[in-house]
Amino acid sequence: MIFARSIAGTALEGPRSMLLQLRKNLSDIDFRSLADLARELGYRVVALEGAPDLVRLEGPGAPEHRSILEDCFAVAAVLDAGGARELYHRAP
């Protein structure tokens, strides 16, 4: 089972996920700032057991979320952006 800790977020609409690699030796404050940012973007943060430097974000995703998360200090890399591709964003 791949689950260590979960930080409650908003309700999910059409679950999508994004896989992030975190910087080594993050403090709890740095992790909490990432979790707060992810929650503001509508994601739920799931830390993967056995892989302390990886987290999965579950939520709706949007084209600009990848670059916002890459700018966060705690994130070393976005390994899989899921539905948050920045090719273009077309208004409905």
Protein backbone atom coordinates (compact mmCIF):
# COMPACT_ATOMS: atom_id res chain seq x y z
CA MET A 1 0.00 0.00 0.00
CA ILE A 2 1.43 3.40 -1.00
CA PHE A 3 0.24 5.87 1.63
CA ALA A 4 2.04 7.58 4.47
CA ARG A 5 0.28 10.81 5.32
CA SER A 6 -2.46 12.86 3.75
CA ILE A 7 -3.26 16.51 4.15
CA ALA A 8 -6.94 17.23 3.67
CA GLY A 9 -7.74 19.44 0.71
CA THR A 10 -10.77 20.40 -1.27
CA ALA A 11 -13.25 18.06 -2.90
CA LEU A 12 -11.93 16.45 -6.06
CA GLU A 13 -13.64 16.96 -9.39
CA GLY A 14 -12.48 14.39 -11.93
CA PRO A 15 -9.44 13.01 -10.13
CA ARG A 16 -6.11 13.70 -11.81
CA SER A 17 -2.71 13.45 -10.27
CA MET A 18 0.69 15.05 -10.51
CA LEU A 19 3.92 13.47 -9.22
CA LEU A 20 6.48 15.78 -7.60
CA GLN A 21 10.04 15.14 -6.47
CA LEU A 22 10.88 17.13 -3.35
CA ARG A 23 14.21 18.58 -2.31
CA LYS A 24 16.27 16.47 0.07
CA ASN A 25 16.02 17.06 3.84
CA LEU A 26 12.97 19.34 3.74
CA SER A 27 11.84 20.80 7.03
CA ASP A 28 8.25 20.38 8.18
CA ILE A 29 7.72 24.10 7.51
CA ASP A 30 8.84 23.73 3.89
CA PHE A 31 6.59 20.69 3.40
CA ARG A 32 3.68 22.54 5.00
CA SER A 33 4.18 25.53 2.65
CA LEU A 34 3.99 23.16 -0.34
CA ALA A 35 0.89 21.51 1.10
CA ASP A 36 -0.75 24.90 1.65
CA LEU A 37 0.04 25.97 -1.92
CA ALA A 38 -1.30 22.69 -3.31
CA ARG A 39 -4.47 23.06 -1.24
CA GLU A 40 -4.98 26.61 -2.59
CA LEU A 41 -4.71 25.18 -6.11
CA GLY A 42 -7.33 22.53 -5.28
CA TYR A 43 -5.10 19.49 -4.74
CA ARG A 44 -4.84 16.91 -1.99
CA VAL A 45 -1.24 16.02 -1.06
CA VAL A 46 -0.29 12.37 -0.57
CA ALA A 47 3.26 11.52 0.55
CA LEU A 48 4.36 8.14 -0.78
CA GLU A 49 5.52 5.58 1.75
CA GLY A 50 9.03 4.33 1.05
CA ALA A 51 9.81 7.35 -1.11
CA PRO A 52 10.21 10.34 1.22
CA ASP A 53 11.20 12.63 -1.62
CA LEU A 54 8.07 11.96 -3.73
CA VAL A 55 4.52 13.26 -3.31
CA ARG A 56 1.42 12.81 -5.39
CA LEU A 57 -1.02 15.68 -5.82
CA GLU A 58 -4.61 14.66 -6.55
CA GLY A 59 -7.05 17.21 -7.90
CA PRO A 60 -8.51 18.92 -10.96
CA GLY A 61 -5.31 20.42 -12.39
CA ALA A 62 -4.96 23.49 -14.60
CA PRO A 63 -2.47 24.54 -17.28
CA GLU A 64 -0.65 27.06 -15.07
CA HIS A 65 -0.28 24.79 -12.01
CA ARG A 66 2.91 23.09 -13.19
CA SER A 67 4.92 26.32 -13.37
CA ILE A 68 3.48 27.56 -10.06
CA LEU A 69 4.57 24.36 -8.34
CA GLU A 70 8.00 24.39 -10.02
CA ASP A 71 8.56 27.83 -8.49
CA CYS A 72 7.94 26.46 -4.99
CA PHE A 73 11.19 25.98 -3.01
CA ALA A 74 10.19 22.51 -1.78
CA VAL A 75 9.81 21.10 -5.31
CA ALA A 76 12.94 19.78 -7.03
CA ALA A 77 11.07 18.59 -10.15
CA VAL A 78 7.64 17.84 -11.56
CA LEU A 79 8.03 14.24 -12.73
CA ASP A 80 4.54 13.76 -14.16
CA ALA A 81 2.27 16.74 -14.67
CA GLY A 82 -0.85 14.67 -15.30
CA GLY A 83 -3.57 17.01 -16.56
CA ALA A 84 -1.63 20.23 -15.91
CA ARG A 85 -0.02 20.59 -19.31
CA GLU A 86 0.94 24.11 -20.37
CA LEU A 87 0.47 23.81 -24.11
CA TYR A 88 -2.40 26.27 -24.19
CA HIS A 89 -5.56 27.09 -22.29
CA ARG A 90 -8.74 27.53 -24.29
CA ALA A 91 -11.68 29.31 -22.69
CA PRO A 92 -14.91 27.25 -22.72
